[in-house]
Amino acid sequence: MLYQVTAWAEWVIPGLLLLVLLAAICRRLPVYELFVAGAQDGFEIAVKTIPYLVAMLVAVSVFRGSGALELTSRMLSPLLFPFNIPVEVIPHALLRPLSGSAALGVATDIIRTHGPDSLLGRLVSTMQGSSDTTFYVLSLYFGSVGIRRYRYAPVAGLIADATTFLASVFFVRWLFG
């Protein structure tokens, strides 16, 4: 049974692509020309997003390289200690709204040091999977389409990040002790 599901799953995406192609041919659409036009639009969007991507990567590098990340972690640790929040996950919680790859690097270090089945490994994995890169999304996607006034988006994103952080700590402690 498992083999049949796996074999079927391998053909879902190619089957969908074939279905779309057949539907376009049946409707007598210029498939190749539409594909090229879509690729050109995608390339133009990618070129427009590069400056925002570079700016965000530089900001994250400066934040980590200057020691501000470690300083902020040390400053927050006394506030989080009474809530039984491990100090080791603070850098991940601070980086996750900024950069997914930087947060993944911190998560990888924690998992490598403490193990994937440790409380810290489970906690950082849950945090990584349940939150998003708020400022990355704002700068890259909003910037690439020309939105200059974010209004409540950063606040809503940070509230969501804080909620996922606290929920991750609560549920991982509750489920894994």
C-alpha atoms as a PDB file:
ATOM      1  CA  MET A   1       0.000   0.000   0.000  1.00  0.00           C
ATOM      2  CA  LEU A   2       2.770   2.459   0.935  1.00  0.00           C
ATOM      3  CA  TYR A   3       4.585   1.723  -2.323  1.00  0.00           C
ATOM      4  CA  GLN A   4       1.428   2.507  -4.306  1.00  0.00           C
ATOM      5  CA  VAL A   5       0.996   5.858  -2.533  1.00  0.00           C
ATOM      6  CA  THR A   6       4.653   6.740  -3.100  1.00  0.00           C
ATOM      7  CA  ALA A   7       4.486   5.777  -6.778  1.00  0.00           C
ATOM      8  CA  TRP A   8       1.294   7.793  -7.228  1.00  0.00           C
ATOM      9  CA  ALA A   9       2.769  10.823  -5.435  1.00  0.00           C
ATOM     10  CA  GLU A  10       5.768  10.865  -7.799  1.00  0.00           C
ATOM     11  CA  TRP A  11       3.434  11.434 -10.750  1.00  0.00           C
ATOM     12  CA  VAL A  12       1.165  14.125  -9.271  1.00  0.00           C
ATOM     13  CA  ILE A  13       3.206  17.166 -10.350  1.00  0.00           C
ATOM     14  CA  PRO A  14       4.161  15.862 -13.797  1.00  0.00           C
ATOM     15  CA  GLY A  15       0.510  14.883 -14.283  1.00  0.00           C
ATOM     16  CA  LEU A  16      -0.677  18.370 -13.336  1.00  0.00           C
ATOM     17  CA  LEU A  17       1.819  19.945 -15.725  1.00  0.00           C
ATOM     18  CA  LEU A  18       0.643  17.644 -18.502  1.00  0.00           C
ATOM     19  CA  LEU A  19      -2.991  18.470 -17.703  1.00  0.00           C
ATOM     20  CA  VAL A  20      -2.306  22.223 -17.927  1.00  0.00           C
ATOM     21  CA  LEU A  21      -0.415  21.745 -21.183  1.00  0.00           C
ATOM     22  CA  LEU A  22      -3.235  19.678 -22.688  1.00  0.00           C
ATOM     23  CA  ALA A  23      -5.841  22.223 -21.563  1.00  0.00           C
ATOM     24  CA  ALA A  24      -3.847  25.034 -23.195  1.00  0.00           C
ATOM     25  CA  ILE A  25      -3.502  23.051 -26.433  1.00  0.00           C
ATOM     26  CA  CYS A  26      -7.237  22.259 -26.461  1.00  0.00           C
ATOM     27  CA  ARG A  27      -7.996  25.958 -26.071  1.00  0.00           C
ATOM     28  CA  ARG A  28      -5.606  26.663 -28.953  1.00  0.00           C
ATOM     29  CA  LEU A  29      -3.364  28.922 -26.871  1.00  0.00           C
ATOM     30  CA  PRO A  30       0.185  29.713 -28.000  1.00  0.00           C
ATOM     31  CA  VAL A  31       1.790  27.637 -25.248  1.00  0.00           C
ATOM     32  CA  TYR A  32       5.449  28.341 -25.969  1.00  0.00           C
ATOM     33  CA  GLU A  33       4.928  32.089 -26.426  1.00  0.00           C
ATOM     34  CA  LEU A  34       2.948  32.302 -23.185  1.00  0.00           C
ATOM     35  CA  PHE A  35       5.648  30.327 -21.384  1.00  0.00           C
ATOM     36  CA  VAL A  36       8.370  32.684 -22.640  1.00  0.00           C
ATOM     37  CA  ALA A  37       6.297  35.750 -21.683  1.00  0.00           C
ATOM     38  CA  GLY A  38       5.797  34.336 -18.183  1.00  0.00           C
ATOM     39  CA  ALA A  39       9.502  33.576 -17.849  1.00  0.00           C
ATOM     40  CA  GLN A  40      10.328  37.128 -18.934  1.00  0.00           C
ATOM     41  CA  ASP A  41       7.933  38.570 -16.335  1.00  0.00           C
ATOM     42  CA  GLY A  42       9.488  36.340 -13.677  1.00  0.00           C
ATOM     43  CA  PHE A  43      12.979  37.491 -14.623  1.00  0.00           C
ATOM     44  CA  GLU A  44      11.938  41.142 -14.422  1.00  0.00           C
ATOM     45  CA  ILE A  45      10.463  40.591 -10.971  1.00  0.00           C
ATOM     46  CA  ALA A  46      13.655  38.839  -9.857  1.00  0.00           C
ATOM     47  CA  VAL A  47      15.776  41.760 -11.065  1.00  0.00           C
ATOM     48  CA  LYS A  48      13.534  44.221  -9.202  1.00  0.00           C
ATOM     49  CA  THR A  49      13.821  42.253  -5.950  1.00  0.00           C
ATOM     50  CA  ILE A  50      17.625  41.915  -5.931  1.00  0.00           C
ATOM     51  CA  PRO A  51      18.368  45.333  -4.305  1.00  0.00           C
ATOM     52  CA  TYR A  52      15.929  44.593  -1.471  1.00  0.00           C
ATOM     53  CA  LEU A  53      17.396  41.140  -0.978  1.00  0.00           C
ATOM     54  CA  VAL A  54      20.957  42.493  -0.847  1.00  0.00           C
ATOM     55  CA  ALA A  55      19.937  45.218   1.625  1.00  0.00           C
ATOM     56  CA  MET A  56      18.336  42.680   3.952  1.00  0.00           C
ATOM     57  CA  LEU A  57      21.311  40.309   3.779  1.00  0.00           C
ATOM     58  CA  VAL A  58      23.728  43.144   4.572  1.00  0.00           C
ATOM     59  CA  ALA A  59      21.584  44.286   7.513  1.00  0.00           C
ATOM     60  CA  VAL A  60      21.502  40.773   8.981  1.00  0.00           C
ATOM     61  CA  SER A  61      25.264  40.383   8.501  1.00  0.00           C
ATOM     62  CA  VAL A  62      25.917  43.686  10.266  1.00  0.00           C
ATOM     63  CA  PHE A  63      23.548  42.691  13.094  1.00  0.00           C
ATOM     64  CA  ARG A  64      25.394  39.411  13.642  1.00  0.00           C
ATOM     65  CA  GLY A  65      28.916  40.614  12.896  1.00  0.00           C
ATOM     66  CA  SER A  66      28.770  43.700  15.108  1.00  0.00           C
ATOM     67  CA  GLY A  67      27.949  41.679  18.199  1.00  0.00           C
ATOM     68  CA  ALA A  68      24.516  43.302  18.523  1.00  0.00           C
ATOM     69  CA  LEU A  69      22.844  39.884  18.373  1.00  0.00           C
ATOM     70  CA  GLU A  70      24.834  38.550  21.316  1.00  0.00           C
ATOM     71  CA  LEU A  71      24.381  41.786  23.279  1.00  0.00           C
ATOM     72  CA  THR A  72      20.617  41.745  22.722  1.00  0.00           C
ATOM     73  CA  SER A  73      20.470  38.071  23.721  1.00  0.00           C
ATOM     74  CA  ARG A  74      22.331  38.770  26.958  1.00  0.00           C
ATOM     75  CA  MET A  75      20.059  41.735  27.728  1.00  0.00           C
ATOM     76  CA  LEU A  76      16.894  39.685  27.175  1.00  0.00           C
ATOM     77  CA  SER A  77      17.992  36.602  29.103  1.00  0.00           C
ATOM     78  CA  PRO A  78      17.138  37.966  32.602  1.00  0.00           C
ATOM     79  CA  LEU A  79      13.655  38.869  31.379  1.00  0.00           C
ATOM     80  CA  LEU A  80      13.029  35.420  29.914  1.00  0.00           C
ATOM     81  CA  PHE A  81      14.601  33.369  32.734  1.00  0.00           C
ATOM     82  CA  PRO A  82      11.518  33.575  35.038  1.00  0.00           C
ATOM     83  CA  PHE A  83       9.399  32.134  32.209  1.00  0.00           C
ATOM     84  CA  ASN A  84      11.780  29.184  31.844  1.00  0.00           C
ATOM     85  CA  ILE A  85      12.738  30.176  28.287  1.00  0.00           C
ATOM     86  CA  PRO A  86      16.184  28.825  27.354  1.00  0.00           C
ATOM     87  CA  VAL A  87      18.767  31.516  26.613  1.00  0.00           C
ATOM     88  CA  GLU A  88      20.170  29.452  23.727  1.00  0.00           C
ATOM     89  CA  VAL A  89      17.093  30.044  21.544  1.00  0.00           C
ATOM     90  CA  ILE A  90      17.058  33.833  21.893  1.00  0.00           C
ATOM     91  CA  PRO A  91      19.396  34.413  18.904  1.00  0.00           C
ATOM     92  CA  HIS A  92      17.095  32.265  16.760  1.00  0.00           C
ATOM     93  CA  ALA A  93      14.023  34.157  17.952  1.00  0.00           C
ATOM     94  CA  LEU A  94      15.716  37.481  17.147  1.00  0.00           C
ATOM     95  CA  LEU A  95      16.984  36.432  13.717  1.00  0.00           C
ATOM     96  CA  ARG A  96      13.893  34.608  12.479  1.00  0.00           C
ATOM     97  CA  PRO A  97      11.926  37.797  11.660  1.00  0.00           C
ATOM     98  CA  LEU A  98      14.942  39.107   9.745  1.00  0.00           C
ATOM     99  CA  SER A  99      16.338  36.194   7.777  1.00  0.00           C
ATOM    100  CA  GLY A 100      15.317  32.591   7.355  1.00  0.00           C
ATOM    101  CA  SER A 101      18.799  31.451   6.368  1.00  0.00           C
ATOM    102  CA  ALA A 102      20.451  33.165   9.345  1.00  0.00           C
ATOM    103  CA  ALA A 103      17.871  31.649  11.691  1.00  0.00           C
ATOM    104  CA  LEU A 104      18.388  28.263  10.052  1.00  0.00           C
ATOM    105  CA  GLY A 105      22.122  28.606  10.684  1.00  0.00           C
ATOM    106  CA  VAL A 106      21.492  29.255  14.377  1.00  0.00           C
ATOM    107  CA  ALA A 107      19.011  26.365  14.506  1.00  0.00           C
ATOM    108  CA  THR A 108      21.538  24.060  12.855  1.00  0.00           C
ATOM    109  CA  ASP A 109      24.192  25.027  15.415  1.00  0.00           C
ATOM    110  CA  ILE A 110      21.800  24.386  18.301  1.00  0.00           C
ATOM    111  CA  ILE A 111      20.739  21.019  16.890  1.00  0.00           C
ATOM    112  CA  ARG A 112      24.348  20.039  16.185  1.00  0.00           C
ATOM    113  CA  THR A 113      25.395  20.995  19.741  1.00  0.00           C
ATOM    114  CA  HIS A 114      22.445  19.664  21.729  1.00  0.00           C
ATOM    115  CA  GLY A 115      20.962  17.038  19.401  1.00  0.00           C
ATOM    116  CA  PRO A 116      17.714  16.927  17.447  1.00  0.00           C
ATOM    117  CA  ASP A 117      15.810  15.102  20.187  1.00  0.00           C
ATOM    118  CA  SER A 118      16.859  17.465  22.951  1.00  0.00           C
ATOM    119  CA  LEU A 119      14.468  20.050  24.347  1.00  0.00           C
ATOM    120  CA  LEU A 120      16.463  22.816  22.640  1.00  0.00           C
ATOM    121  CA  GLY A 121      16.543  20.948  19.331  1.00  0.00           C
ATOM    122  CA  ARG A 122      12.802  20.407  19.376  1.00  0.00           C
ATOM    123  CA  LEU A 123      12.147  23.965  20.465  1.00  0.00           C
ATOM    124  CA  VAL A 124      14.270  25.574  17.773  1.00  0.00           C
ATOM    125  CA  SER A 125      12.809  23.222  15.146  1.00  0.00           C
ATOM    126  CA  THR A 126       9.288  24.172  16.177  1.00  0.00           C
ATOM    127  CA  MET A 127      10.191  27.867  16.117  1.00  0.00           C
ATOM    128  CA  GLN A 128      11.782  27.523  12.675  1.00  0.00           C
ATOM    129  CA  GLY A 129       8.755  25.796  11.223  1.00  0.00           C
ATOM    130  CA  SER A 130       6.027  27.903  12.796  1.00  0.00           C
ATOM    131  CA  SER A 131       7.198  31.443  12.105  1.00  0.00           C
ATOM    132  CA  ASP A 132       8.070  33.537   9.095  1.00  0.00           C
ATOM    133  CA  THR A 133      10.656  36.115   8.119  1.00  0.00           C
ATOM    134  CA  THR A 134       8.616  39.251   8.725  1.00  0.00           C
ATOM    135  CA  PHE A 135      11.105  41.935   7.699  1.00  0.00           C
ATOM    136  CA  TYR A 136      12.409  39.876   4.803  1.00  0.00           C
ATOM    137  CA  VAL A 137       8.861  39.568   3.438  1.00  0.00           C
ATOM    138  CA  LEU A 138       8.181  43.264   4.004  1.00  0.00           C
ATOM    139  CA  SER A 139      11.361  44.510   2.403  1.00  0.00           C
ATOM    140  CA  LEU A 140      11.501  42.075  -0.480  1.00  0.00           C
ATOM    141  CA  TYR A 141       7.908  41.661  -1.532  1.00  0.00           C
ATOM    142  CA  PHE A 142       6.465  45.008  -0.512  1.00  0.00           C
ATOM    143  CA  GLY A 143       9.514  46.817  -1.874  1.00  0.00           C
ATOM    144  CA  SER A 144       9.506  44.990  -5.184  1.00  0.00           C
ATOM    145  CA  VAL A 145       5.940  46.047  -5.950  1.00  0.00           C
ATOM    146  CA  GLY A 146       6.453  49.611  -4.753  1.00  0.00           C
ATOM    147  CA  ILE A 147       4.530  49.603  -1.468  1.00  0.00           C
ATOM    148  CA  ARG A 148       6.130  52.336   0.641  1.00  0.00           C
ATOM    149  CA  ARG A 149       3.672  52.616   3.522  1.00  0.00           C
ATOM    150  CA  TYR A 150       3.535  49.331   5.380  1.00  0.00           C
ATOM    151  CA  ARG A 151       1.080  50.689   7.932  1.00  0.00           C
ATOM    152  CA  TYR A 152       0.303  47.870  10.383  1.00  0.00           C
ATOM    153  CA  ALA A 153       2.134  45.070   8.588  1.00  0.00           C
ATOM    154  CA  PRO A 154       5.359  45.201  10.687  1.00  0.00           C
ATOM    155  CA  VAL A 155       3.417  45.331  13.948  1.00  0.00           C
ATOM    156  CA  ALA A 156       1.151  42.464  12.908  1.00  0.00           C
ATOM    157  CA  GLY A 157       4.148  40.447  11.741  1.00  0.00           C
ATOM    158  CA  LEU A 158       6.074  40.991  14.975  1.00  0.00           C
ATOM    159  CA  ILE A 159       3.020  40.116  17.067  1.00  0.00           C
ATOM    160  CA  ALA A 160       2.705  36.902  15.047  1.00  0.00           C
ATOM    161  CA  ASP A 161       6.425  36.180  15.561  1.00  0.00           C
ATOM    162  CA  ALA A 162       6.161  36.757  19.324  1.00  0.00           C
ATOM    163  CA  THR A 163       3.051  34.581  19.480  1.00  0.00           C
ATOM    164  CA  THR A 164       4.729  31.716  17.636  1.00  0.00           C
ATOM    165  CA  PHE A 165       7.803  32.030  19.865  1.00  0.00           C
ATOM    166  CA  LEU A 166       5.766  31.836  23.065  1.00  0.00           C
ATOM    167  CA  ALA A 167       3.502  29.110  21.688  1.00  0.00           C
ATOM    168  CA  SER A 168       6.541  27.080  20.619  1.00  0.00           C
ATOM    169  CA  VAL A 169       8.052  27.327  24.097  1.00  0.00           C
ATOM    170  CA  PHE A 170       4.743  26.422  25.731  1.00  0.00           C
ATOM    171  CA  PHE A 171       3.900  23.452  23.519  1.00  0.00           C
ATOM    172  CA  VAL A 172       7.404  21.988  23.370  1.00  0.00           C
ATOM    173  CA  ARG A 173       7.703  22.193  27.168  1.00  0.00           C
ATOM    174  CA  TRP A 174       4.205  20.742  27.547  1.00  0.00           C
ATOM    175  CA  LEU A 175       4.725  17.873  25.124  1.00  0.00           C
ATOM    176  CA  PHE A 176       8.380  17.050  25.751  1.00  0.00           C
ATOM    177  CA  GLY A 177       8.927  18.221  29.279  1.00  0.00           C
END
